[in-house]
Protein backbone atom coordinates (compact mmCIF):
# COMPACT_ATOMS: atom_id res chain seq x y z
CA MET A 1 -32.59 2.20 46.21
CA ALA A 2 -28.54 1.70 45.42
CA ALA A 3 -27.22 -1.63 44.27
CA ILE A 4 -23.72 -1.51 45.38
CA ARG A 5 -21.56 -4.20 44.14
CA ARG A 6 -18.00 -6.02 44.01
CA ARG A 7 -16.20 -6.31 40.21
CA GLY A 8 -13.34 -7.28 40.00
CA LYS A 9 -10.90 -4.73 41.62
CA ARG A 10 -13.90 -2.16 41.20
CA TRP A 11 -16.40 -1.50 43.35
CA HIS A 12 -20.07 -0.54 41.01
CA ALA A 13 -22.99 1.69 42.44
CA GLU A 14 -25.76 1.35 41.04
CA VAL A 15 -29.39 4.04 41.83
CA ARG A 16 -32.27 3.18 40.73
CA VAL A 17 -34.44 6.13 41.83
CA ARG A 18 -38.20 7.69 40.15
CA GLY A 19 -37.43 5.65 37.12
CA VAL A 20 -33.39 7.39 36.87
CA ASN A 21 -30.66 4.84 36.46
CA GLN A 22 -26.86 5.46 37.46
CA CYS A 23 -24.38 3.77 37.49
CA ARG A 24 -20.57 4.63 38.03
CA SER A 25 -17.37 2.20 39.26
CA PHE A 26 -14.96 3.43 42.25
CA ALA A 27 -12.05 2.13 43.36
CA THR A 28 -13.50 1.74 47.36
CA LYS A 29 -16.19 0.76 48.32
CA ALA A 30 -16.81 3.64 50.88
CA GLU A 31 -16.72 6.17 47.68
CA ALA A 32 -19.16 4.14 46.01
CA GLN A 33 -21.32 4.12 49.73
CA ALA A 34 -20.92 8.21 49.03
CA TRP A 35 -21.51 8.40 45.35
CA ALA A 36 -24.82 6.51 45.78
CA VAL A 37 -26.45 8.48 48.66
CA ASP A 38 -25.57 11.70 47.18
CA VAL A 39 -26.95 10.74 43.27
CA GLU A 40 -30.10 9.48 45.32
CA ARG A 41 -30.54 12.95 47.37
CA ARG A 42 -30.17 15.03 44.32
CA ILE A 43 -32.81 12.48 42.00
CA ARG A 44 -35.49 12.60 44.94
CA ALA A 45 -34.88 16.23 45.49
CA GLY A 46 -34.91 17.06 41.56
CA GLU A 47 -31.58 18.03 41.47
CA GLY A 48 -29.37 17.13 38.75
CA VAL A 49 -31.39 14.70 37.25
CA SER A 50 -30.71 13.54 33.59
CA VAL A 51 -33.82 15.14 31.78
CA ALA A 52 -36.83 12.66 31.26
CA GLY A 53 -36.63 10.70 27.57
CA LYS A 54 -32.93 12.72 26.48
CA THR A 55 -30.92 10.94 24.68
CA LEU A 56 -26.87 11.56 23.75
CA GLU A 57 -28.01 12.59 20.58
CA ASP A 58 -29.71 15.60 21.92
CA LEU A 59 -27.21 16.19 24.09
CA LEU A 60 -23.99 16.66 21.41
CA LEU A 61 -26.17 18.14 19.37
CA ARG A 62 -26.74 20.97 22.30
CA TYR A 63 -23.43 20.88 22.44
CA ALA A 64 -22.51 21.66 19.21
CA ASP A 65 -25.44 24.32 18.54
CA GLU A 66 -24.44 26.29 22.26
CA GLU A 67 -20.63 25.43 22.62
CA SER A 68 -18.51 24.30 19.59
CA PRO A 69 -19.20 27.95 17.86
CA HIS A 70 -17.00 29.39 20.88
CA LYS A 71 -14.57 27.52 20.08
CA GLY A 72 -11.47 27.59 17.38
CA CYS A 73 -11.89 23.70 16.55
CA GLY A 74 -15.88 24.36 15.86
CA ASP A 75 -15.70 23.43 12.87
CA TRP A 76 -14.41 19.70 13.68
CA GLU A 77 -16.37 19.45 16.68
CA ALA A 78 -19.93 19.87 14.26
CA THR A 79 -18.81 17.45 11.94
CA ARG A 80 -17.56 14.97 14.05
CA ILE A 81 -20.92 15.74 16.37
CA LEU A 82 -23.14 14.67 12.76
CA HIS A 83 -21.12 11.47 12.89
CA PHE A 84 -21.35 10.67 15.98
CA CYS A 85 -24.56 11.31 15.84
CA ARG A 86 -25.58 8.29 13.09
CA ASP A 87 -23.97 6.17 15.30
CA PRO A 88 -26.35 3.32 17.34
CA ILE A 89 -25.24 4.46 20.49
CA ALA A 90 -26.60 8.27 20.14
CA ARG A 91 -29.97 6.61 20.44
CA THR A 92 -29.02 5.48 23.67
CA ARG A 93 -31.09 7.54 27.05
CA LEU A 94 -29.22 10.02 29.31
CA ASP A 95 -30.10 7.29 32.14
CA GLN A 96 -29.24 4.35 30.28
CA LEU A 97 -25.32 5.58 29.32
CA THR A 98 -23.69 3.73 31.78
CA PRO A 99 -19.58 2.69 31.18
CA GLU A 100 -21.04 -0.20 30.01
CA VAL A 101 -23.05 0.93 27.30
CA LEU A 102 -19.95 3.43 26.23
CA LEU A 103 -16.95 0.41 27.05
CA ALA A 104 -19.19 -1.52 24.24
CA TRP A 105 -19.25 1.52 21.99
CA GLN A 106 -15.75 1.87 21.92
CA ARG A 107 -14.81 -1.82 21.33
CA ARG A 108 -17.00 -1.91 18.24
CA ARG A 109 -15.18 1.14 17.41
CA LEU A 110 -11.75 -0.73 17.72
CA GLY A 111 -12.61 -2.12 14.31
CA ASP A 112 -12.85 0.11 12.28
CA VAL A 113 -10.95 3.45 13.49
CA SER A 114 -7.58 4.27 15.51
CA GLY A 115 -7.52 4.17 19.23
CA GLY A 116 -6.29 8.23 18.05
CA THR A 117 -9.67 8.42 16.55
CA ILE A 118 -11.27 6.99 19.48
CA ARG A 119 -9.10 9.14 21.86
CA ARG A 120 -10.33 12.37 19.94
CA ASP A 121 -14.43 11.30 19.71
CA ARG A 122 -13.99 10.60 23.75
CA ALA A 123 -12.39 14.42 24.53
CA LEU A 124 -15.28 15.89 22.60
CA LEU A 125 -17.79 13.76 24.04
CA SER A 126 -16.10 14.31 27.55
CA ALA A 127 -16.82 17.77 26.83
CA ALA A 128 -19.68 17.85 26.43
CA LEU A 129 -21.03 14.82 29.28
CA ARG A 130 -18.82 17.07 30.93
CA GLN A 131 -21.77 20.71 30.30
CA ALA A 132 -24.13 18.39 30.74
CA VAL A 133 -23.36 17.71 34.46
CA ARG A 134 -22.46 20.70 35.55
CA VAL A 135 -24.15 23.35 33.22
CA TRP A 136 -26.82 21.77 32.37
CA LYS A 137 -27.38 19.41 35.18
CA TRP A 138 -28.65 16.91 32.45
CA LEU A 139 -26.80 14.03 34.70
CA PRO A 140 -25.27 14.01 37.95
CA ALA A 141 -22.52 12.51 36.89
CA SER A 142 -20.06 11.74 32.91
CA PRO A 143 -19.53 7.68 33.05
CA LEU A 144 -17.10 8.34 30.61
CA PRO A 145 -14.21 8.17 33.81
CA ASP A 146 -14.72 4.85 33.79
CA VAL A 147 -14.03 3.48 30.40
CA PRO A 148 -10.34 2.61 30.07
CA LEU A 149 -8.61 4.65 27.28
CA PRO A 150 -7.71 2.43 24.06
CA PRO A 151 -3.65 2.24 23.21
CA ASP A 152 -3.43 5.57 21.52
CA ASN A 153 -1.02 6.09 17.91
CA PRO A 154 2.10 5.72 17.76
CA SER A 155 3.35 9.09 16.62
CA ARG A 156 4.42 10.06 13.01
CA ASN A 157 7.43 10.96 12.08
CA ARG A 158 6.51 12.21 8.15
CA LEU A 159 8.47 14.32 6.76
CA VAL A 160 7.89 16.12 3.67
CA SER A 161 11.14 16.21 1.51
CA ASP A 162 12.60 18.80 -0.61
CA GLU A 163 12.14 16.45 -3.91
CA GLU A 164 8.23 15.98 -2.87
CA LEU A 165 7.53 19.26 -1.83
CA ALA A 166 9.27 20.28 -5.83
CA ARG A 167 6.78 17.41 -7.04
CA LEU A 168 3.98 19.13 -5.55
CA CYS A 169 4.55 22.57 -7.30
CA HIS A 170 5.40 20.46 -10.04
CA VAL A 171 1.84 18.58 -10.30
CA ALA A 172 -0.77 21.68 -9.03
CA GLY A 173 1.18 24.34 -11.25
CA LYS A 174 2.44 27.50 -10.49
CA ASP A 175 -0.87 29.83 -11.78
CA LEU A 176 -2.38 31.23 -8.19
CA ARG A 177 -5.70 31.98 -9.56
CA THR A 178 -5.69 27.75 -9.58
CA ALA A 179 -7.28 26.03 -6.01
CA SER A 180 -4.82 22.77 -6.31
CA ALA A 181 -1.03 25.59 -7.23
CA ARG A 182 -2.86 27.53 -4.02
CA VAL A 183 -3.06 23.90 -1.50
CA VAL A 184 0.47 23.32 -2.56
CA ALA A 185 1.75 27.50 -1.54
CA ALA A 186 -0.01 26.44 1.10
CA PHE A 187 1.39 24.04 2.28
CA ALA A 188 4.98 25.26 1.62
CA PHE A 189 3.75 28.23 3.63
CA ALA A 190 2.72 26.35 6.52
CA VAL A 191 6.64 24.57 6.20
CA GLU A 192 8.23 27.64 6.36
CA THR A 193 5.33 28.58 8.89
CA GLY A 194 4.32 26.09 11.28
CA MET A 195 0.83 27.69 11.22
CA ARG A 196 -1.58 24.35 11.05
CA GLY A 197 -3.65 24.22 7.98
CA GLY A 198 -6.99 25.69 10.07
CA GLU A 199 -4.91 29.14 10.91
CA ILE A 200 -3.44 29.12 7.43
CA ILE A 201 -6.56 29.30 5.49
CA ALA A 202 -8.90 32.00 8.19
CA LEU A 203 -5.87 34.51 7.03
CA ARG A 204 -7.63 38.05 5.94
CA ALA A 205 -5.68 40.60 4.24
CA ALA A 206 -5.47 43.07 7.78
CA ASP A 207 -4.12 39.79 9.88
CA ALA A 208 -1.23 40.30 7.29
CA VAL A 209 1.56 43.20 8.25
CA LEU A 210 4.82 42.42 5.49
CA ALA A 211 6.49 45.47 6.41
CA ARG A 212 7.09 43.86 9.52
CA SER A 213 7.92 39.84 8.66
CA PHE A 214 4.77 38.69 11.07
CA VAL A 215 0.91 37.34 10.19
CA ARG A 216 -1.44 37.32 13.53
CA VAL A 217 -3.68 34.69 14.13
CA ARG A 218 -6.43 35.64 15.62
CA LYS A 219 -7.71 32.61 17.52
CA SER A 220 -5.06 29.20 17.07
CA LYS A 221 -6.86 25.82 18.48
CA ASN A 222 -6.13 26.29 22.27
CA GLY A 223 -8.04 29.55 22.00
CA ASP A 224 -5.42 32.37 22.24
CA ALA A 225 -4.08 35.07 19.11
CA ARG A 226 -0.95 35.27 18.13
CA GLU A 227 1.61 36.39 15.84
CA VAL A 228 3.91 34.39 13.58
CA ALA A 229 6.98 35.26 12.20
CA LEU A 230 7.31 35.69 8.65
CA SER A 231 10.58 33.83 6.45
CA ALA A 232 12.09 35.70 2.92
CA ARG A 233 10.29 32.20 1.78
CA ALA A 234 6.56 32.64 3.71
CA ALA A 235 6.42 36.49 2.60
CA GLU A 236 7.22 35.88 -1.10
CA LEU A 237 4.33 33.66 -0.73
CA LEU A 238 1.70 35.53 0.52
CA ARG A 239 2.50 38.41 -0.94
CA GLU A 240 2.06 36.02 -4.62
CA VAL A 241 -1.62 35.55 -2.89
CA LEU A 242 -1.89 38.74 -1.25
CA ALA A 243 -2.49 39.71 -5.16
CA LEU A 244 -5.70 37.44 -6.11
CA GLU A 245 -7.73 39.70 -3.86
CA LEU A 246 -9.35 36.72 -2.22
CA ASP A 247 -11.21 36.73 1.13
CA PRO A 248 -9.64 34.98 2.91
CA ILE A 249 -6.73 34.91 1.12
CA TRP A 250 -5.97 31.41 0.07
CA GLY A 251 -9.55 30.74 -1.46
CA LEU A 252 -9.88 27.72 0.25
CA THR A 253 -12.23 26.06 2.18
CA GLN A 254 -11.28 23.38 5.63
CA SER A 255 -12.85 20.05 3.45
CA ARG A 256 -11.23 21.77 0.29
CA LYS A 257 -7.62 22.19 1.21
CA ASP A 258 -8.01 18.52 2.58
CA ALA A 259 -9.64 16.69 -0.83
CA LEU A 260 -7.61 18.85 -3.09
CA PHE A 261 -3.71 18.31 -0.84
CA ARG A 262 -4.80 14.40 -1.78
CA LYS A 263 -5.71 14.98 -5.41
CA VAL A 264 -2.29 17.05 -6.02
CA ARG A 265 -0.35 14.19 -3.87
CA ALA A 266 -1.67 11.21 -5.45
CA LYS A 267 -0.98 12.86 -9.01
CA ALA A 268 2.22 13.51 -7.60
CA GLY A 269 2.73 9.55 -6.32
CA ILE A 270 3.58 10.70 -2.87
CA VAL A 271 2.16 8.09 -0.46
CA GLY A 272 1.95 8.92 3.18
CA LEU A 273 1.97 11.85 3.49
CA ASN A 274 -0.61 14.96 4.89
CA PHE A 275 -1.36 18.35 4.93
CA HIS A 276 -0.24 18.34 9.03
CA ASP A 277 2.67 16.83 8.18
CA SER A 278 4.07 20.25 7.79
CA ARG A 279 3.69 20.58 11.09
CA HIS A 280 6.02 18.29 11.85
CA ALA A 281 8.21 19.83 9.08
CA ALA A 282 8.37 22.95 10.14
CA ILE A 283 8.95 21.96 13.59
CA THR A 284 12.32 20.35 13.69
CA ARG A 285 13.47 22.75 10.89
CA LEU A 286 12.84 25.61 13.11
CA ALA A 287 14.30 23.63 16.47
CA ARG A 288 17.92 25.07 14.57
CA ARG A 289 16.72 28.43 14.43
CA MET A 290 14.97 29.53 16.90
CA PRO A 291 14.96 28.77 21.16
CA VAL A 292 12.30 27.08 22.65
CA LEU A 293 10.30 28.93 24.23
CA ASP A 294 10.02 31.47 20.73
CA LEU A 295 9.66 28.78 18.54
CA ALA A 296 6.63 27.48 21.08
CA ARG A 297 4.96 30.65 20.73
CA GLN A 298 5.48 30.52 16.67
CA VAL A 299 3.79 27.10 16.60
CA GLY A 300 0.44 28.03 19.16
CA THR A 301 1.46 26.00 21.98
CA ARG A 302 1.54 25.88 25.67
CA ASP A 303 3.45 23.12 26.23
CA LEU A 304 6.78 22.28 25.63
CA ALA A 305 6.38 18.51 25.65
CA THR A 306 4.33 19.02 22.66
CA LEU A 307 7.18 19.72 20.56
CA MET A 308 8.76 16.57 21.39
CA ILE A 309 5.72 14.39 19.41
CA TYR A 310 6.63 17.40 16.42
CA TYR A 311 10.08 16.96 16.81
CA ASN A 312 11.52 14.19 14.17
CA ALA A 313 15.15 15.41 13.30
CA THR A 314 16.85 11.82 12.59
CA ALA A 315 19.95 10.80 14.51
CA GLU A 316 22.55 11.51 11.49
CA ASP A 317 20.70 15.21 11.25
CA ARG A 318 21.76 15.88 15.17
CA ALA A 319 25.01 14.89 14.24
CA LYS A 320 25.44 17.11 11.90
CA LEU A 321 24.83 19.97 15.13
CA LEU A 322 27.63 18.49 16.71
């Protein structure tokens, strides 16, 4: 049976049929009634209902196994899913996964992590729930859209200075046979090219076309392949690391890259800098040299508005261009 109730400015519909409980909120009573009728019909017909006994953990682990490996951010998704599965909400049965349960999880998490972290986790959770609804037919609808988003983090505007980069190089040393030196060289390469850290450490010798001053990115974060132009300094760094004949050419994993960068940064006495800040520095620098469409192609973004997030030139810097 369906129950339709008004809660504040929203209409809450709840359907209980054959042991299956589904809830969702709507802007109007008519929308709530139509949804309830459709869900009840589908449950009675055996269509699109949550699989008996399945939990959110079951859903996420299946998504990690079947969908994440085909994505450019698959390793990140798999790591986040394993972390998510350690949270108590993962044991929630799908027929009990309501907007209220998700909102309680979100509020609890806000005590430990930033709104930006929760937004990223929500994006992953949304993709998994969408797959469960549209393809696996484990759910009639996702409850996540009815949960308000937490406030996002303020945009970062951290730029690495030449002096800081010199300190990193001094601490790590120049011997690229050491992983620490390669991490700092990869960071400098990222500042020159605007490439993401994951794209850099995935490069193989066949991807480097030094004779024509570019490298091929086989698969970027958005799933596209692209060619990235190399400055003279980037080509020099790449030539030096290629001489080591490692495979991939930087000889690093994502986790090792991040751990070693934090270690070198601490020894250099630098505060508040992370590897991804290289992208801010690169886009801010390259924006002075490249037309905006070329810049978007160089750094691998389809949304030009995204460039504004990473463009962090100061008013003083802009004044010098006038």
